[in-house]
């Protein structure tokens, strides 16, 4: 009867994940534990699977990326940054795309990551439940989040509250007092923290200036141009006074609003000032004032930290706030007289 990794784990009195890490040469296994595991391997005559034994380093040299979407602006550019760092270090990228927030979460933990034997995981803008985190930590692979805070993981991200505050203050300092807000949808807020952080900062900044945003001026998009158009229709069709400015929680939503404004003959910035967050590659062409961030750099830095951790530099993974910058273009101006 063939000896299994479970037999080695039982003899060495460790988990199978620890046996796997020790055999593959991964960090976070003490020298004493590694020696005990290797002694058990020798005693039992355990032979790793051909796929594992064929790896010169004992690793898969593959890093997983878990993303709710692969085609959204921030996610796509972050993945590009991760891939660049991995290619520089001879690693491959394995993408786990949930195809959106709704429904996809249930198919995440199917054992695929363990069977594929990734060495580390990048989590993009996705809140993990306690059970999901526990299952991930059982694999004992290094984890890092990109794009927002994720409980149980270090993150590479911007200060989303500061970004929203900077955008809102820009409008207030121009003299606007009637400021609307286009934010993430409820589904976004339930699954990652960024929309709520930006909304809270907007509300806090308005309150500090003695201003309030009426309910009909708070409209929900979904961080896409299409959703921005739909949210803009709800805003423009709402009864009562109209805002002179709007803070959009993403550039794509802001561009959707600008398209709808143009269709209705609303002039930007003469009638309505618009500011977003991201500095999307189309924002300059659209003349959109925005808060710049660099998602490709975020993904690159996160992957570099994982590479350092896998190389044995314990403590390489840490929280890292990335810079933001207000980029003023033609979509914002003082309110009409």
Protein backbone atom coordinates (compact mmCIF):
# COMPACT_ATOMS: atom_id res chain seq x y z
CA UNK A 1 0.00 0.00 0.00
CA UNK A 2 1.43 3.36 -1.07
CA UNK A 3 2.49 5.78 1.62
CA UNK A 4 0.48 9.01 1.58
CA UNK A 5 1.14 12.52 2.80
CA UNK A 6 -1.39 11.81 5.57
CA UNK A 7 0.87 9.02 6.86
CA UNK A 8 3.82 11.42 6.98
CA UNK A 9 1.72 14.03 8.79
CA UNK A 10 0.55 11.48 11.37
CA UNK A 11 4.09 10.26 12.09
CA UNK A 12 5.51 13.79 12.32
CA UNK A 13 2.46 14.98 14.29
CA UNK A 14 1.78 17.97 12.03
CA UNK A 15 -0.86 18.92 9.49
CA UNK A 16 -0.67 17.76 5.88
CA UNK A 17 -0.35 21.41 4.86
CA UNK A 18 2.80 21.72 6.99
CA UNK A 19 4.21 18.54 5.41
CA UNK A 20 3.52 20.00 1.97
CA UNK A 21 5.22 23.29 2.88
CA UNK A 22 8.27 21.51 4.30
CA UNK A 23 8.70 19.27 1.28
CA UNK A 24 8.21 22.16 -1.15
CA UNK A 25 10.71 24.37 0.66
CA UNK A 26 8.23 27.08 1.58
CA UNK A 27 8.84 29.43 4.53
CA UNK A 28 7.02 29.44 7.89
CA UNK A 29 8.19 25.96 8.88
CA UNK A 30 10.63 25.89 11.77
CA UNK A 31 13.94 24.04 11.27
CA UNK A 32 13.03 21.51 13.96
CA UNK A 33 9.64 20.79 12.40
CA UNK A 34 11.14 20.54 8.92
CA UNK A 35 13.75 18.09 10.17
CA UNK A 36 11.09 15.96 11.87
CA UNK A 37 9.00 15.89 8.69
CA UNK A 38 11.95 14.97 6.48
CA UNK A 39 12.88 12.20 8.92
CA UNK A 40 9.31 10.85 8.66
CA UNK A 41 9.51 11.03 4.87
CA UNK A 42 12.75 9.04 4.97
CA UNK A 43 11.42 6.47 7.44
CA UNK A 44 8.21 5.85 5.52
CA UNK A 45 9.77 6.08 2.07
CA UNK A 46 7.23 8.70 1.01
CA UNK A 47 7.54 9.91 -2.59
CA UNK A 48 5.78 13.13 -3.62
CA UNK A 49 3.54 13.19 -6.66
CA UNK A 50 5.33 13.41 -10.02
CA UNK A 51 4.07 16.95 -10.57
CA UNK A 52 5.54 18.08 -7.26
CA UNK A 53 8.78 16.13 -7.51
CA UNK A 54 9.37 17.51 -10.97
CA UNK A 55 9.68 21.02 -9.63
CA UNK A 56 13.33 21.91 -9.13
CA UNK A 57 12.57 24.22 -6.25
CA UNK A 58 9.87 22.07 -4.70
CA UNK A 59 7.31 24.79 -5.49
CA UNK A 60 4.64 25.26 -8.10
CA UNK A 61 6.03 28.72 -8.92
CA UNK A 62 2.43 29.81 -9.36
CA UNK A 63 0.61 32.60 -7.52
CA UNK A 64 -3.16 32.79 -7.47
CA UNK A 65 -5.19 35.98 -7.90
CA UNK A 66 -8.75 36.00 -6.56
CA UNK A 67 -10.85 38.68 -8.26
CA UNK A 68 -14.60 39.38 -8.22
CA UNK A 69 -14.26 40.62 -11.80
CA UNK A 70 -11.46 40.32 -14.37
CA UNK A 71 -12.76 42.98 -16.77
CA UNK A 72 -13.21 45.98 -14.45
CA UNK A 73 -10.68 48.80 -14.70
CA UNK A 74 -9.10 48.54 -11.26
CA UNK A 75 -9.04 44.74 -11.21
CA UNK A 76 -7.62 44.41 -14.72
CA UNK A 77 -4.78 46.86 -14.07
CA UNK A 78 -3.98 45.30 -10.69
CA UNK A 79 -3.75 41.86 -12.30
CA UNK A 80 -1.43 43.33 -14.93
CA UNK A 81 0.85 44.61 -12.16
CA UNK A 82 0.84 41.27 -10.36
CA UNK A 83 1.64 39.45 -13.59
CA UNK A 84 4.55 41.78 -14.35
CA UNK A 85 6.18 41.08 -10.99
CA UNK A 86 5.59 37.34 -11.31
CA UNK A 87 7.11 37.18 -14.79
CA UNK A 88 10.18 39.06 -13.56
CA UNK A 89 10.65 36.32 -10.96
CA UNK A 90 9.84 33.30 -13.12
CA UNK A 91 6.41 32.71 -11.58
CA UNK A 92 3.08 32.02 -13.27
CA UNK A 93 -0.30 33.57 -12.50
CA UNK A 94 -3.46 31.55 -11.90
CA UNK A 95 -6.63 33.67 -11.98
CA UNK A 96 -9.70 32.79 -9.91
CA UNK A 97 -12.45 35.06 -11.25
CA UNK A 98 -15.78 34.95 -9.43
CA UNK A 99 -17.62 36.54 -12.33
CA UNK A 100 -19.09 39.22 -10.08
CA UNK A 101 -20.11 39.45 -6.46
CA UNK A 102 -23.55 37.87 -6.66
CA UNK A 103 -23.59 34.08 -6.44
CA UNK A 104 -19.94 33.53 -7.31
CA UNK A 105 -18.74 33.49 -3.71
CA UNK A 106 -20.13 30.00 -3.12
CA UNK A 107 -17.92 28.37 -5.73
CA UNK A 108 -14.70 29.87 -4.40
CA UNK A 109 -13.59 27.12 -2.02
CA UNK A 110 -13.95 24.02 -4.15
CA UNK A 111 -10.47 22.74 -3.38
CA UNK A 112 -9.14 24.06 -6.67
CA UNK A 113 -6.46 26.18 -5.05
CA UNK A 114 -5.17 23.27 -3.03
CA UNK A 115 -5.27 20.91 -5.99
CA UNK A 116 -3.51 23.45 -8.19
CA UNK A 117 -0.99 24.01 -5.37
CA UNK A 118 -0.44 27.71 -5.66
CA UNK A 119 2.38 29.13 -3.53
CA UNK A 120 0.64 32.40 -2.57
CA UNK A 121 -2.59 34.32 -3.12
CA UNK A 122 -3.52 37.91 -3.98
CA UNK A 123 -7.07 38.94 -3.01
CA UNK A 124 -8.52 41.85 -5.01
CA UNK A 125 -11.10 44.05 -3.28
CA UNK A 126 -13.09 41.22 -1.75
CA UNK A 127 -14.30 40.83 1.80
CA UNK A 128 -13.63 37.33 3.13
CA UNK A 129 -15.78 35.62 5.74
CA UNK A 130 -14.21 34.09 8.85
CA UNK A 131 -14.75 30.62 7.37
CA UNK A 132 -13.10 31.60 4.08
CA UNK A 133 -10.12 33.09 5.91
CA UNK A 134 -9.79 30.01 8.08
CA UNK A 135 -9.73 27.75 5.04
CA UNK A 136 -7.15 29.96 3.37
CA UNK A 137 -4.91 30.10 6.43
CA UNK A 138 -5.06 26.29 6.71
CA UNK A 139 -3.19 26.13 3.42
CA UNK A 140 -0.45 28.18 5.13
CA UNK A 141 0.27 30.10 1.94
CA UNK A 142 1.19 33.81 2.08
CA UNK A 143 -1.79 36.13 1.49
CA UNK A 144 -2.03 39.78 0.55
CA UNK A 145 -4.95 42.02 -0.43
CA UNK A 146 -4.93 44.73 -3.09
CA UNK A 147 -7.32 47.63 -3.52
CA UNK A 148 -8.94 47.84 -0.10
CA UNK A 149 -8.85 46.52 3.45
CA UNK A 150 -9.52 42.79 3.86
CA UNK A 151 -9.85 41.44 7.38
CA UNK A 152 -7.08 38.98 8.17
CA UNK A 153 -4.77 40.17 5.37
CA UNK A 154 -2.23 42.91 4.89
CA UNK A 155 -3.20 45.24 2.06
CA UNK A 156 -1.72 47.44 -0.64
CA UNK A 157 -4.25 50.22 -1.15
CA UNK A 158 -4.97 53.93 -1.11
CA UNK A 159 -6.65 55.75 1.75
CA UNK A 160 -10.13 55.72 0.19
CA UNK A 161 -11.49 58.08 2.82
CA UNK A 162 -8.77 60.60 2.09
CA UNK A 163 -9.44 60.30 -1.66
CA UNK A 164 -13.15 60.99 -1.26
CA UNK A 165 -12.44 63.86 1.13
CA UNK A 166 -9.96 65.43 -1.30
CA UNK A 167 -12.47 65.23 -4.15
CA UNK A 168 -15.31 66.65 -2.06
CA UNK A 169 -13.19 69.47 -0.62
CA UNK A 170 -12.18 70.44 -4.16
CA UNK A 171 -15.83 71.05 -5.01
CA UNK A 172 -16.50 72.89 -1.75
CA UNK A 173 -13.45 75.12 -2.20
CA UNK A 174 -14.73 76.06 -5.66
CA UNK A 175 -17.82 77.44 -3.93
CA UNK A 176 -20.31 74.61 -4.45
CA UNK A 177 -22.88 74.01 -1.74
CA UNK A 178 -25.36 71.84 -3.70
CA UNK A 179 -23.26 68.69 -4.16
CA UNK A 180 -24.66 65.30 -5.19
CA UNK A 181 -23.06 61.91 -4.67
CA UNK A 182 -22.86 58.87 -6.97
CA UNK A 183 -21.69 55.88 -4.93
CA UNK A 184 -21.29 52.13 -5.21
CA UNK A 185 -24.34 49.87 -5.23
CA UNK A 186 -25.54 47.95 -2.16
CA UNK A 187 -24.06 44.73 -3.55
CA UNK A 188 -20.62 46.37 -3.72
CA UNK A 189 -20.85 47.63 -0.14
CA UNK A 190 -21.77 44.16 1.15
CA UNK A 191 -18.74 42.55 -0.46
CA UNK A 192 -15.90 45.02 -0.04
CA UNK A 193 -15.21 48.05 2.10
CA UNK A 194 -14.19 50.66 -0.47
CA UNK A 195 -17.66 52.04 -1.40
CA UNK A 196 -18.62 52.53 2.25
CA UNK A 197 -15.29 54.20 3.06
CA UNK A 198 -15.76 56.71 0.25
CA UNK A 199 -19.40 57.37 1.16
CA UNK A 200 -18.58 57.93 4.83
CA UNK A 201 -15.78 60.36 3.94
CA UNK A 202 -18.05 62.31 1.58
CA UNK A 203 -20.75 62.63 4.25
CA UNK A 204 -18.21 63.60 6.91
CA UNK A 205 -16.58 66.25 4.70
CA UNK A 206 -19.93 67.75 3.76
CA UNK A 207 -21.00 67.88 7.41
CA UNK A 208 -17.75 69.58 8.40
CA UNK A 209 -18.57 72.30 5.87
CA UNK A 210 -22.11 72.64 7.20
CA UNK A 211 -23.58 71.00 4.08
CA UNK A 212 -25.92 68.10 3.51
CA UNK A 213 -26.81 65.96 0.49
CA UNK A 214 -30.58 65.38 0.01
CA UNK A 215 -31.62 61.73 -0.45
CA UNK A 216 -32.60 62.30 -4.09
CA UNK A 217 -29.05 63.47 -4.80
CA UNK A 218 -27.57 60.23 -3.44
CA UNK A 219 -27.65 57.80 -6.37
CA UNK A 220 -26.14 54.32 -6.69
CA UNK A 221 -24.05 53.13 -9.60
CA UNK A 222 -21.92 50.03 -9.93
CA UNK A 223 -18.51 51.43 -10.89
CA UNK A 224 -19.19 51.15 -14.63
CA UNK A 225 -20.01 53.65 -17.38
CA UNK A 226 -23.38 51.97 -18.02
CA UNK A 227 -24.37 52.15 -14.36
CA UNK A 228 -23.17 55.76 -14.30
CA UNK A 229 -25.58 56.62 -17.11
CA UNK A 230 -28.47 54.94 -15.29
CA UNK A 231 -27.64 56.64 -11.98
CA UNK A 232 -27.37 60.00 -13.77
CA UNK A 233 -30.87 59.53 -15.20
CA UNK A 234 -32.23 58.96 -11.69
CA UNK A 235 -30.42 62.08 -10.47
CA UNK A 236 -31.49 64.34 -13.35
CA UNK A 237 -35.10 63.10 -13.25
CA UNK A 238 -35.47 63.59 -9.49
CA UNK A 239 -37.93 66.37 -8.55
CA UNK A 240 -36.82 69.56 -6.87
CA UNK A 241 -33.68 71.69 -7.10
CA UNK A 242 -30.70 70.36 -9.03
CA UNK A 243 -27.11 70.10 -7.78
CA UNK A 244 -24.35 72.25 -9.18
CA UNK A 245 -21.69 69.58 -8.60
CA UNK A 246 -21.38 65.84 -8.10
CA UNK A 247 -18.77 63.62 -6.53
CA UNK A 248 -18.62 60.23 -8.29
CA UNK A 249 -16.90 57.35 -6.48
CA UNK A 250 -15.23 56.20 -9.71
CA UNK A 251 -14.20 57.73 -13.02
CA UNK A 252 -16.25 55.27 -15.06
CA UNK A 253 -19.44 56.31 -13.28
CA UNK A 254 -18.43 59.94 -13.72
CA UNK A 255 -17.97 59.44 -17.46
CA UNK A 256 -21.38 57.77 -17.69
CA UNK A 257 -22.88 60.81 -15.98
CA UNK A 258 -21.07 63.14 -18.39
CA UNK A 259 -22.49 61.23 -21.37
CA UNK A 260 -26.02 61.53 -20.01
CA UNK A 261 -25.52 65.22 -19.18
CA UNK A 262 -24.38 65.89 -22.74
CA UNK A 263 -27.43 64.06 -24.11
CA UNK A 264 -29.69 66.33 -22.03
CA UNK A 265 -27.87 69.54 -22.89
CA UNK A 266 -26.42 69.98 -19.39
CA UNK A 267 -23.10 71.77 -19.80
CA UNK A 268 -20.03 70.63 -17.89
CA UNK A 269 -18.65 72.52 -16.02
CA UNK A 270 -20.85 75.59 -16.72
CA UNK A 271 -23.99 73.95 -15.31
CA UNK A 272 -22.57 70.99 -13.41
CA UNK A 273 -19.10 70.20 -12.06
CA UNK A 274 -18.02 66.55 -11.93
CA UNK A 275 -15.14 64.88 -10.08
CA UNK A 276 -14.23 61.20 -9.88
CA UNK A 277 -11.65 58.82 -8.44
CA UNK A 278 -9.12 56.68 -10.38
CA UNK A 279 -7.61 58.64 -13.27
CA UNK A 280 -8.85 56.08 -15.77
CA UNK A 281 -6.95 56.17 -19.07
CA UNK A 282 -9.97 57.83 -20.73
CA UNK A 283 -10.30 60.52 -18.03
CA UNK A 284 -7.77 62.88 -19.60
CA UNK A 285 -9.53 62.70 -22.97
CA UNK A 286 -12.86 63.35 -21.25
CA UNK A 287 -11.40 66.31 -19.35
CA UNK A 288 -12.45 64.74 -16.05
CA UNK A 289 -11.11 66.10 -12.78
CA UNK A 290 -10.19 63.13 -10.64
CA UNK A 291 -8.15 61.64 -7.81
CA UNK A 292 -5.30 59.67 -9.34
CA UNK A 293 -4.29 56.21 -8.17
CA UNK A 294 -2.05 53.58 -9.81
CA UNK A 295 -3.59 50.07 -9.62
CA UNK A 296 -0.87 48.51 -11.78
CA UNK A 297 1.69 49.66 -9.24
CA UNK A 298 -0.48 48.33 -6.40
CA UNK A 299 -0.54 44.85 -7.91
CA UNK A 300 3.16 44.97 -8.70
CA UNK A 301 4.14 45.93 -5.14
CA UNK A 302 1.87 43.27 -3.63
CA UNK A 303 3.37 40.55 -5.79
CA UNK A 304 6.89 41.73 -4.96
CA UNK A 305 6.12 41.35 -1.26
CA UNK A 306 4.86 37.82 -1.88
CA UNK A 307 8.03 37.02 -3.81
CA UNK A 308 10.16 38.23 -0.90
CA UNK A 309 8.13 36.17 1.57
CA UNK A 310 8.45 33.06 -0.58
CA UNK A 311 12.19 33.67 -0.82
CA UNK A 312 12.38 33.35 2.96
CA UNK A 313 12.31 37.01 4.02
CA UNK A 314 9.78 36.57 6.84
CA UNK A 315 7.74 39.68 7.62
CA UNK A 316 7.94 41.02 4.06
CA UNK A 317 4.16 41.30 3.77
CA UNK A 318 2.78 44.44 5.39
CA UNK A 319 0.12 47.11 4.96
CA UNK A 320 1.21 49.70 2.42
CA UNK A 321 -0.72 52.91 1.69
CA UNK A 322 -0.16 54.22 -1.83
CA UNK A 323 -0.18 57.90 -2.88
CA UNK A 324 -3.11 59.78 -4.38
CA UNK A 325 -3.18 63.08 -6.27
CA UNK A 326 -5.87 65.57 -7.23
CA UNK A 327 -5.74 66.07 -11.01
CA UNK A 328 -7.74 69.17 -11.99
CA UNK A 329 -9.11 69.21 -15.53
CA UNK A 330 -12.00 70.88 -17.29
CA UNK A 331 -14.95 69.16 -15.62
CA UNK A 332 -14.90 71.32 -12.48
CA UNK A 333 -15.37 75.08 -12.06
CA UNK A 334 -17.07 77.51 -9.66
CA UNK A 335 -20.87 77.19 -9.57
CA UNK A 336 -22.97 79.29 -11.94
CA UNK A 337 -23.81 82.73 -10.60
